[in-house]
Amino acid sequence: MGDITSLYPGYVIFSDSLRQDDIQAGRTSETDSVMCGRYSLVFIDDLGNRFRVFNPMIGSRSRFNIAPGNEMPVIIHEEKNELVMMKWGLVPRWTQDITAAKRPINARAETLSEKPSFAGLLKNQRCLVPASGFFEWKNEGKKKVPFLIHLPEIPIFAFAGLYDQWADPKGNLLRTYTIITTKPNELIAKIHNRMPSILMPEAEDRWLSTTPLSAGDLKEILAPFPAGRMSMYPVSSRVNTPDVDDERVIRPLNTISSSPELNEDNNA
């Protein structure tokens, strides 16, 4: 699949120490790999209704294989809750050379207040990142098998995120976001050592507000989502290719095993 620069130009996670198999599976660190760099958003419900914002995303389509750099809907709170389109991969407003910007797609919950790129955003630039599932890869022998993780009771949920707005010398704006990650719950720990911070529905307004959050608040809000309310199943290795974005990406692997094309993909 090529190196990290060909897959996600300019996008990094945390570590400069990369392994080719981690890159192919959407991870970019040997010792502290993050949540996989893919998620999905299937429009089972109208986002305007789900998050109580006056913008029903008319004309939007479901996305099954969202990758870094994609422009996706994000919920923010300014004078009111708003749904805006942003690119995944944070570009801080103080960035001088955007071509050299690292554009992190994830931020560790445990160190948010310590990182210059994130600390200031914690005050009033918190956001909700709508999703219907995310992907992670499990080592099985010499293979890495992709899994889709979702919440059966909550078809569309929200990752905790941070956002910023960068402007070029001509005043053109670029809005970007990053997804916060935390330690894994019992389910995700079977396949990975990190997971995205999925907000409990009752915590979404609290995270989205401009009310200051203490260290205790952050620990509570960004805690691992309960494993008993999550489910996961293996999917086709088609998800390994960022350009592949169709419904087959999220189907359980055992329901598409009769497809010669998919069998060929998974045996590659």
C-alpha atoms as a PDB file:
ATOM      1  CA  MET A   1       0.000   0.000   0.000  1.00  0.00           C
ATOM      2  CA  GLY A   2       3.013   2.312   0.008  1.00  0.00           C
ATOM      3  CA  ASP A   3       4.400   4.370   2.857  1.00  0.00           C
ATOM      4  CA  ILE A   4       2.604   6.719   5.219  1.00  0.00           C
ATOM      5  CA  THR A   5       3.257   9.773   3.052  1.00  0.00           C
ATOM      6  CA  SER A   6       1.517   8.209   0.068  1.00  0.00           C
ATOM      7  CA  LEU A   7      -1.468   7.064   2.132  1.00  0.00           C
ATOM      8  CA  TYR A   8      -1.989  10.177   4.246  1.00  0.00           C
ATOM      9  CA  PRO A   9       0.249  13.039   3.017  1.00  0.00           C
ATOM     10  CA  GLY A  10       1.097  15.314   5.941  1.00  0.00           C
ATOM     11  CA  TYR A  11      -0.908  13.346   8.499  1.00  0.00           C
ATOM     12  CA  VAL A  12       0.726  11.826  11.591  1.00  0.00           C
ATOM     13  CA  ILE A  13      -0.411  10.411  14.901  1.00  0.00           C
ATOM     14  CA  PHE A  14       2.227  10.389  17.620  1.00  0.00           C
ATOM     15  CA  SER A  15       5.373   8.474  16.753  1.00  0.00           C
ATOM     16  CA  ASP A  16       8.084   8.698  14.117  1.00  0.00           C
ATOM     17  CA  SER A  17       8.805   5.000  14.620  1.00  0.00           C
ATOM     18  CA  LEU A  18       6.765   3.221  11.963  1.00  0.00           C
ATOM     19  CA  ARG A  19       6.313  -0.340  10.827  1.00  0.00           C
ATOM     20  CA  GLN A  20       4.970  -1.132   7.381  1.00  0.00           C
ATOM     21  CA  ASP A  21       2.322  -3.519   8.705  1.00  0.00           C
ATOM     22  CA  ASP A  22       1.052  -0.900  11.162  1.00  0.00           C
ATOM     23  CA  ILE A  23       0.844   1.666   8.381  1.00  0.00           C
ATOM     24  CA  GLN A  24      -1.128  -0.727   6.183  1.00  0.00           C
ATOM     25  CA  ALA A  25      -3.559  -1.349   9.025  1.00  0.00           C
ATOM     26  CA  GLY A  26      -4.016   2.350   9.655  1.00  0.00           C
ATOM     27  CA  ARG A  27      -1.694   2.645  12.685  1.00  0.00           C
ATOM     28  CA  THR A  28       1.475   4.685  12.920  1.00  0.00           C
ATOM     29  CA  SER A  29       3.294   3.733  16.099  1.00  0.00           C
ATOM     30  CA  GLU A  30       5.187   0.644  17.196  1.00  0.00           C
ATOM     31  CA  THR A  31       4.857   1.054  20.935  1.00  0.00           C
ATOM     32  CA  ASP A  32       1.811   3.251  21.350  1.00  0.00           C
ATOM     33  CA  SER A  33      -0.474   2.644  18.401  1.00  0.00           C
ATOM     34  CA  VAL A  34      -3.652   4.680  18.376  1.00  0.00           C
ATOM     35  CA  MET A  35      -7.167   3.922  17.331  1.00  0.00           C
ATOM     36  CA  CYS A  36      -7.211   2.951  13.691  1.00  0.00           C
ATOM     37  CA  GLY A  37      -7.314   5.800  11.250  1.00  0.00           C
ATOM     38  CA  ARG A  38     -10.740   4.903   9.867  1.00  0.00           C
ATOM     39  CA  TYR A  39     -14.378   5.275  10.882  1.00  0.00           C
ATOM     40  CA  SER A  40     -17.802   5.201   9.271  1.00  0.00           C
ATOM     41  CA  LEU A  41     -20.900   7.385   9.306  1.00  0.00           C
ATOM     42  CA  VAL A  42     -24.026   5.726   7.957  1.00  0.00           C
ATOM     43  CA  PHE A  43     -27.022   8.055   7.836  1.00  0.00           C
ATOM     44  CA  ILE A  44     -29.553   5.856   9.613  1.00  0.00           C
ATOM     45  CA  ASP A  45     -30.905   8.994  11.272  1.00  0.00           C
ATOM     46  CA  ASP A  46     -30.843  12.641  10.282  1.00  0.00           C
ATOM     47  CA  LEU A  47     -27.905  14.363  11.997  1.00  0.00           C
ATOM     48  CA  GLY A  48     -30.007  17.449  12.588  1.00  0.00           C
ATOM     49  CA  ASN A  49     -32.499  15.405  14.617  1.00  0.00           C
ATOM     50  CA  ARG A  50     -29.867  13.290  16.355  1.00  0.00           C
ATOM     51  CA  PHE A  51     -27.801  16.246  17.596  1.00  0.00           C
ATOM     52  CA  ARG A  52     -30.534  18.902  17.708  1.00  0.00           C
ATOM     53  CA  VAL A  53     -28.965  21.223  15.166  1.00  0.00           C
ATOM     54  CA  PHE A  54     -30.739  23.105  12.384  1.00  0.00           C
ATOM     55  CA  ASN A  55     -28.856  21.649   9.475  1.00  0.00           C
ATOM     56  CA  PRO A  56     -30.128  18.292   8.228  1.00  0.00           C
ATOM     57  CA  MET A  57     -27.137  17.799   5.875  1.00  0.00           C
ATOM     58  CA  ILE A  58     -29.372  17.767   2.823  1.00  0.00           C
ATOM     59  CA  GLY A  59     -27.697  15.839   0.044  1.00  0.00           C
ATOM     60  CA  SER A  60     -25.145  14.170   2.287  1.00  0.00           C
ATOM     61  CA  ARG A  61     -24.412  10.520   1.707  1.00  0.00           C
ATOM     62  CA  SER A  62     -23.242   7.789   4.022  1.00  0.00           C
ATOM     63  CA  ARG A  63     -19.492   7.306   4.276  1.00  0.00           C
ATOM     64  CA  PHE A  64     -18.287   3.793   5.000  1.00  0.00           C
ATOM     65  CA  ASN A  65     -14.506   4.242   5.069  1.00  0.00           C
ATOM     66  CA  ILE A  66     -13.580   7.691   6.367  1.00  0.00           C
ATOM     67  CA  ALA A  67      -9.843   8.374   6.254  1.00  0.00           C
ATOM     68  CA  PRO A  68      -7.574  11.245   7.389  1.00  0.00           C
ATOM     69  CA  GLY A  69      -7.995  14.314   5.228  1.00  0.00           C
ATOM     70  CA  ASN A  70     -11.643  13.597   4.442  1.00  0.00           C
ATOM     71  CA  GLU A  71     -14.115  16.430   5.032  1.00  0.00           C
ATOM     72  CA  MET A  72     -16.815  15.322   7.451  1.00  0.00           C
ATOM     73  CA  PRO A  73     -19.638  16.839   9.560  1.00  0.00           C
ATOM     74  CA  VAL A  74     -18.719  18.005  13.056  1.00  0.00           C
ATOM     75  CA  ILE A  75     -20.941  19.537  15.759  1.00  0.00           C
ATOM     76  CA  ILE A  76     -19.645  22.682  17.476  1.00  0.00           C
ATOM     77  CA  HIS A  77     -21.121  25.234  19.878  1.00  0.00           C
ATOM     78  CA  GLU A  78     -20.680  28.939  19.298  1.00  0.00           C
ATOM     79  CA  GLU A  79     -23.801  30.973  19.986  1.00  0.00           C
ATOM     80  CA  LYS A  80     -25.725  27.760  19.445  1.00  0.00           C
ATOM     81  CA  ASN A  81     -25.026  24.207  18.346  1.00  0.00           C
ATOM     82  CA  GLU A  82     -24.008  24.116  14.691  1.00  0.00           C
ATOM     83  CA  LEU A  83     -23.162  21.400  12.195  1.00  0.00           C
ATOM     84  CA  VAL A  84     -20.148  22.320  10.057  1.00  0.00           C
ATOM     85  CA  MET A  85     -17.904  20.498   7.607  1.00  0.00           C
ATOM     86  CA  MET A  86     -14.262  20.062   8.638  1.00  0.00           C
ATOM     87  CA  LYS A  87     -11.245  18.073   7.510  1.00  0.00           C
ATOM     88  CA  TRP A  88      -9.950  15.281   9.722  1.00  0.00           C
ATOM     89  CA  GLY A  89      -6.413  16.148  10.843  1.00  0.00           C
ATOM     90  CA  LEU A  90      -5.878  19.182  13.081  1.00  0.00           C
ATOM     91  CA  VAL A  91      -4.102  22.282  11.757  1.00  0.00           C
ATOM     92  CA  PRO A  92      -3.607  24.719  14.692  1.00  0.00           C
ATOM     93  CA  ARG A  93      -4.417  28.345  13.969  1.00  0.00           C
ATOM     94  CA  TRP A  94      -0.840  29.368  14.778  1.00  0.00           C
ATOM     95  CA  THR A  95       0.600  27.132  12.028  1.00  0.00           C
ATOM     96  CA  GLN A  96       2.927  29.145   9.784  1.00  0.00           C
ATOM     97  CA  ASP A  97       3.868  26.579   7.133  1.00  0.00           C
ATOM     98  CA  ILE A  98       0.814  24.466   6.361  1.00  0.00           C
ATOM     99  CA  THR A  99       2.807  22.244   4.008  1.00  0.00           C
ATOM    100  CA  ALA A 100       4.884  21.087   6.983  1.00  0.00           C
ATOM    101  CA  ALA A 101       1.963  20.780   9.424  1.00  0.00           C
ATOM    102  CA  LYS A 102       1.713  17.353  11.082  1.00  0.00           C
ATOM    103  CA  ARG A 103      -2.117  17.406  11.219  1.00  0.00           C
ATOM    104  CA  PRO A 104      -2.662  14.913  14.075  1.00  0.00           C
ATOM    105  CA  ILE A 105      -5.816  12.848  13.653  1.00  0.00           C
ATOM    106  CA  ASN A 106      -5.838  11.739  17.309  1.00  0.00           C
ATOM    107  CA  ALA A 107      -5.144  13.314  20.700  1.00  0.00           C
ATOM    108  CA  ARG A 108      -4.470  11.334  23.876  1.00  0.00           C
ATOM    109  CA  ALA A 109      -7.042  12.076  26.590  1.00  0.00           C
ATOM    110  CA  GLU A 110      -4.429  11.637  29.314  1.00  0.00           C
ATOM    111  CA  THR A 111      -2.158  14.437  28.036  1.00  0.00           C
ATOM    112  CA  LEU A 112      -4.516  16.945  26.407  1.00  0.00           C
ATOM    113  CA  SER A 113      -3.696  19.730  28.841  1.00  0.00           C
ATOM    114  CA  GLU A 114       0.051  19.238  28.311  1.00  0.00           C
ATOM    115  CA  LYS A 115       0.170  19.597  24.525  1.00  0.00           C
ATOM    116  CA  PRO A 116       0.277  23.114  23.014  1.00  0.00           C
ATOM    117  CA  SER A 117      -1.804  21.998  20.032  1.00  0.00           C
ATOM    118  CA  PHE A 118      -4.651  20.818  22.283  1.00  0.00           C
ATOM    119  CA  ALA A 119      -4.537  22.622  25.641  1.00  0.00           C
ATOM    120  CA  GLY A 120      -6.067  25.878  24.440  1.00  0.00           C
ATOM    121  CA  LEU A 121      -8.764  24.085  22.459  1.00  0.00           C
ATOM    122  CA  LEU A 122     -10.004  22.346  25.604  1.00  0.00           C
ATOM    123  CA  LYS A 123     -11.429  25.656  26.836  1.00  0.00           C
ATOM    124  CA  ASN A 124     -13.947  26.443  24.130  1.00  0.00           C
ATOM    125  CA  GLN A 125     -13.233  24.465  20.977  1.00  0.00           C
ATOM    126  CA  ARG A 126     -14.518  21.051  21.893  1.00  0.00           C
ATOM    127  CA  CYS A 127     -16.651  19.270  19.323  1.00  0.00           C
ATOM    128  CA  LEU A 128     -18.700  16.161  18.605  1.00  0.00           C
ATOM    129  CA  VAL A 129     -17.620  13.925  15.729  1.00  0.00           C
ATOM    130  CA  PRO A 130     -20.652  11.899  14.536  1.00  0.00           C
ATOM    131  CA  ALA A 131     -19.953   8.252  13.704  1.00  0.00           C
ATOM    132  CA  SER A 132     -21.720   4.935  13.354  1.00  0.00           C
ATOM    133  CA  GLY A 133     -18.661   2.731  13.810  1.00  0.00           C
ATOM    134  CA  PHE A 134     -14.874   2.572  13.681  1.00  0.00           C
ATOM    135  CA  PHE A 135     -12.320   0.061  12.462  1.00  0.00           C
ATOM    136  CA  GLU A 136      -9.477  -1.678  14.217  1.00  0.00           C
ATOM    137  CA  TRP A 137      -7.090  -4.434  13.209  1.00  0.00           C
ATOM    138  CA  LYS A 138      -6.283  -7.615  15.145  1.00  0.00           C
ATOM    139  CA  ASN A 139      -3.082  -9.604  14.760  1.00  0.00           C
ATOM    140  CA  GLU A 140      -3.853 -13.199  13.804  1.00  0.00           C
ATOM    141  CA  GLY A 141      -0.614 -14.948  13.009  1.00  0.00           C
ATOM    142  CA  LYS A 142       1.006 -13.108  10.130  1.00  0.00           C
ATOM    143  CA  LYS A 143      -2.273 -11.436   9.181  1.00  0.00           C
ATOM    144  CA  LYS A 144      -4.032  -8.334  10.440  1.00  0.00           C
ATOM    145  CA  VAL A 145      -7.789  -8.829  10.381  1.00  0.00           C
ATOM    146  CA  PRO A 146      -9.951  -5.671  10.288  1.00  0.00           C
ATOM    147  CA  PHE A 147     -12.897  -5.397  12.670  1.00  0.00           C
ATOM    148  CA  LEU A 148     -15.795  -2.958  12.739  1.00  0.00           C
ATOM    149  CA  ILE A 149     -16.806  -1.788  16.212  1.00  0.00           C
ATOM    150  CA  HIS A 150     -20.264  -0.257  16.712  1.00  0.00           C
ATOM    151  CA  LEU A 151     -22.911   0.465  19.350  1.00  0.00           C
ATOM    152  CA  PRO A 152     -26.043  -1.655  18.713  1.00  0.00           C
ATOM    153  CA  GLU A 153     -28.238   0.602  20.870  1.00  0.00           C
ATOM    154  CA  ILE A 154     -26.922   3.886  19.436  1.00  0.00           C
ATOM    155  CA  PRO A 155     -26.815   3.807  15.611  1.00  0.00           C
ATOM    156  CA  ILE A 156     -25.136   7.229  15.471  1.00  0.00           C
ATOM    157  CA  PHE A 157     -22.882   8.228  18.364  1.00  0.00           C
ATOM    158  CA  ALA A 158     -20.234  10.908  18.931  1.00  0.00           C
ATOM    159  CA  PHE A 159     -16.493  10.813  19.405  1.00  0.00           C
ATOM    160  CA  ALA A 160     -15.076  13.547  21.625  1.00  0.00           C
ATOM    161  CA  GLY A 161     -13.081  15.898  19.437  1.00  0.00           C
ATOM    162  CA  LEU A 162     -11.243  19.208  19.314  1.00  0.00           C
ATOM    163  CA  TYR A 163     -11.235  21.632  16.403  1.00  0.00           C
ATOM    164  CA  ASP A 164      -9.423  24.709  15.179  1.00  0.00           C
ATOM    165  CA  GLN A 165      -9.565  27.219  12.348  1.00  0.00           C
ATOM    166  CA  TRP A 166      -6.531  28.230  10.275  1.00  0.00           C
ATOM    167  CA  ALA A 167      -6.426  31.098   7.781  1.00  0.00           C
ATOM    168  CA  ASP A 168      -4.018  31.691   4.915  1.00  0.00           C
ATOM    169  CA  PRO A 169      -2.658  35.190   4.119  1.00  0.00           C
ATOM    170  CA  LYS A 170      -5.642  35.836   1.838  1.00  0.00           C
ATOM    171  CA  GLY A 171      -8.107  35.007   4.601  1.00  0.00           C
ATOM    172  CA  ASN A 172      -9.208  31.644   3.242  1.00  0.00           C
ATOM    173  CA  LEU A 173     -10.292  29.459   6.156  1.00  0.00           C
ATOM    174  CA  LEU A 174      -9.508  25.819   6.855  1.00  0.00           C
ATOM    175  CA  ARG A 175     -11.447  24.142   9.666  1.00  0.00           C
ATOM    176  CA  THR A 176     -10.000  20.895  10.982  1.00  0.00           C
ATOM    177  CA  TYR A 177     -10.549  18.450  13.845  1.00  0.00           C
ATOM    178  CA  THR A 178      -8.910  15.654  15.783  1.00  0.00           C
ATOM    179  CA  ILE A 179     -10.470  12.695  17.614  1.00  0.00           C
ATOM    180  CA  ILE A 180      -9.569  12.049  21.249  1.00  0.00           C
ATOM    181  CA  THR A 181      -8.457   8.568  22.271  1.00  0.00           C
ATOM    182  CA  THR A 182      -8.332   6.834  25.635  1.00  0.00           C
ATOM    183  CA  LYS A 183      -7.342   3.494  27.144  1.00  0.00           C
ATOM    184  CA  PRO A 184      -9.332   0.516  25.823  1.00  0.00           C
ATOM    185  CA  ASN A 185     -12.251  -1.171  27.541  1.00  0.00           C
ATOM    186  CA  GLU A 186     -12.365  -4.952  27.983  1.00  0.00           C
ATOM    187  CA  LEU A 187     -13.693  -5.545  24.464  1.00  0.00           C
ATOM    188  CA  ILE A 188     -11.256  -3.368  22.543  1.00  0.00           C
ATOM    189  CA  ALA A 189      -8.302  -4.528  24.671  1.00  0.00           C
ATOM    190  CA  LYS A 190      -8.594  -7.886  22.888  1.00  0.00           C
ATOM    191  CA  ILE A 191      -7.383  -6.263  19.674  1.00  0.00           C
ATOM    192  CA  HIS A 192      -5.801  -2.896  20.533  1.00  0.00           C
ATOM    193  CA  ASN A 193      -4.275  -0.779  23.293  1.00  0.00           C
ATOM    194  CA  ARG A 194      -6.213   2.430  22.518  1.00  0.00           C
ATOM    195  CA  MET A 195      -9.756   3.339  21.529  1.00  0.00           C
ATOM    196  CA  PRO A 196     -11.577   6.547  20.579  1.00  0.00           C
ATOM    197  CA  SER A 197     -13.297   8.461  23.358  1.00  0.00           C
ATOM    198  CA  ILE A 198     -16.970   7.772  22.678  1.00  0.00           C
ATOM    199  CA  LEU A 199     -19.215  10.094  24.631  1.00  0.00           C
ATOM    200  CA  MET A 200     -22.127   8.825  26.648  1.00  0.00           C
ATOM    201  CA  PRO A 201     -25.248  10.507  25.163  1.00  0.00           C
ATOM    202  CA  GLU A 202     -25.880  12.352  28.420  1.00  0.00           C
ATOM    203  CA  ALA A 203     -22.335  13.798  28.310  1.00  0.00           C
ATOM    204  CA  GLU A 204     -22.534  15.204  24.787  1.00  0.00           C
ATOM    205  CA  ASP A 205     -23.977  18.610  25.771  1.00  0.00           C
ATOM    206  CA  ARG A 206     -21.504  18.880  28.627  1.00  0.00           C
ATOM    207  CA  TRP A 207     -18.564  18.269  26.293  1.00  0.00           C
ATOM    208  CA  LEU A 208     -19.940  20.636  23.673  1.00  0.00           C
ATOM    209  CA  SER A 209     -20.534  23.503  26.102  1.00  0.00           C
ATOM    210  CA  THR A 210     -17.986  26.227  26.818  1.00  0.00           C
ATOM    211  CA  THR A 211     -18.085  25.457  30.546  1.00  0.00           C
ATOM    212  CA  PRO A 212     -14.541  24.851  31.865  1.00  0.00           C
ATOM    213  CA  LEU A 213     -13.795  21.218  32.639  1.00  0.00           C
ATOM    214  CA  SER A 214     -11.609  20.131  35.536  1.00  0.00           C
ATOM    215  CA  ALA A 215      -9.159  17.232  35.405  1.00  0.00           C
ATOM    216  CA  GLY A 216     -11.811  15.157  37.177  1.00  0.00           C
ATOM    217  CA  ASP A 217     -14.442  16.165  34.627  1.00  0.00           C
ATOM    218  CA  LEU A 218     -12.181  15.148  31.755  1.00  0.00           C
ATOM    219  CA  LYS A 219     -11.412  11.794  33.342  1.00  0.00           C
ATOM    220  CA  GLU A 220     -15.124  11.100  33.771  1.00  0.00           C
ATOM    221  CA  ILE A 221     -16.292  12.310  30.353  1.00  0.00           C
ATOM    222  CA  LEU A 222     -13.471  10.740  28.345  1.00  0.00           C
ATOM    223  CA  ALA A 223     -13.515   7.381  30.150  1.00  0.00           C
ATOM    224  CA  PRO A 224     -13.706   4.239  27.979  1.00  0.00           C
ATOM    225  CA  PHE A 225     -17.229   3.548  26.738  1.00  0.00           C
ATOM    226  CA  PRO A 226     -18.794   0.489  28.469  1.00  0.00           C
ATOM    227  CA  ALA A 227     -17.737  -2.714  26.714  1.00  0.00           C
ATOM    228  CA  GLY A 228     -21.150  -4.319  27.308  1.00  0.00           C
ATOM    229  CA  ARG A 229     -22.791  -1.732  25.055  1.00  0.00           C
ATOM    230  CA  MET A 230     -20.416  -2.310  22.147  1.00  0.00           C
ATOM    231  CA  SER A 231     -20.134  -5.034  19.532  1.00  0.00           C
ATOM    232  CA  MET A 232     -17.538  -5.926  16.920  1.00  0.00           C
ATOM    233  CA  TYR A 233     -17.129  -8.305  13.993  1.00  0.00           C
ATOM    234  CA  PRO A 234     -14.516  -8.963  11.270  1.00  0.00           C
ATOM    235  CA  VAL A 235     -14.899  -7.252   7.911  1.00  0.00           C
ATOM    236  CA  SER A 236     -13.276  -7.412   4.488  1.00  0.00           C
ATOM    237  CA  SER A 237      -9.724  -6.197   3.994  1.00  0.00           C
ATOM    238  CA  ARG A 238     -11.191  -3.805   1.412  1.00  0.00           C
ATOM    239  CA  VAL A 239     -11.171  -1.295   4.264  1.00  0.00           C
ATOM    240  CA  ASN A 240      -7.351  -1.256   4.044  1.00  0.00           C
ATOM    241  CA  THR A 241      -7.666   0.845   0.891  1.00  0.00           C
ATOM    242  CA  PRO A 242      -8.740   4.420   1.738  1.00  0.00           C
ATOM    243  CA  ASP A 243     -10.318   4.984  -1.681  1.00  0.00           C
ATOM    244  CA  VAL A 244     -12.724   2.059  -1.239  1.00  0.00           C
ATOM    245  CA  ASP A 245     -15.896   3.558   0.231  1.00  0.00           C
ATOM    246  CA  ASP A 246     -18.954   1.390  -0.253  1.00  0.00           C
ATOM    247  CA  GLU A 247     -21.392  -0.599   1.862  1.00  0.00           C
ATOM    248  CA  ARG A 248     -19.422  -3.826   1.522  1.00  0.00           C
ATOM    249  CA  VAL A 249     -16.710  -2.338   3.742  1.00  0.00           C
ATOM    250  CA  ILE A 250     -18.944  -2.589   6.819  1.00  0.00           C
ATOM    251  CA  ARG A 251     -20.585  -5.945   6.109  1.00  0.00           C
ATOM    252  CA  PRO A 252     -19.689  -8.864   8.417  1.00  0.00           C
ATOM    253  CA  LEU A 253     -17.039 -10.929   6.682  1.00  0.00           C
ATOM    254  CA  ASN A 254     -19.055 -14.157   6.906  1.00  0.00           C
ATOM    255  CA  THR A 255     -21.897 -12.589   4.882  1.00  0.00           C
ATOM    256  CA  ILE A 256     -19.701 -11.781   1.889  1.00  0.00           C
ATOM    257  CA  SER A 257     -17.421 -14.818   1.829  1.00  0.00           C
ATOM    258  CA  SER A 258     -19.096 -16.069  -1.342  1.00  0.00           C
ATOM    259  CA  SER A 259     -17.812 -13.088  -3.338  1.00  0.00           C
ATOM    260  CA  PRO A 260     -14.729 -14.107  -5.386  1.00  0.00           C
ATOM    261  CA  GLU A 261     -13.500 -10.507  -5.429  1.00  0.00           C
ATOM    262  CA  LEU A 262     -13.639 -10.192  -1.649  1.00  0.00           C
ATOM    263  CA  ASN A 263     -12.098 -13.604  -1.085  1.00  0.00           C
ATOM    264  CA  GLU A 264      -9.213 -12.547  -3.319  1.00  0.00           C
ATOM    265  CA  ASP A 265      -8.830  -9.315  -1.332  1.00  0.00           C
ATOM    266  CA  ASN A 266      -8.756 -11.071   2.015  1.00  0.00           C
ATOM    267  CA  ASN A 267      -6.238 -13.661   0.859  1.00  0.00           C
ATOM    268  CA  ALA A 268      -3.882 -11.022  -0.472  1.00  0.00           C
END
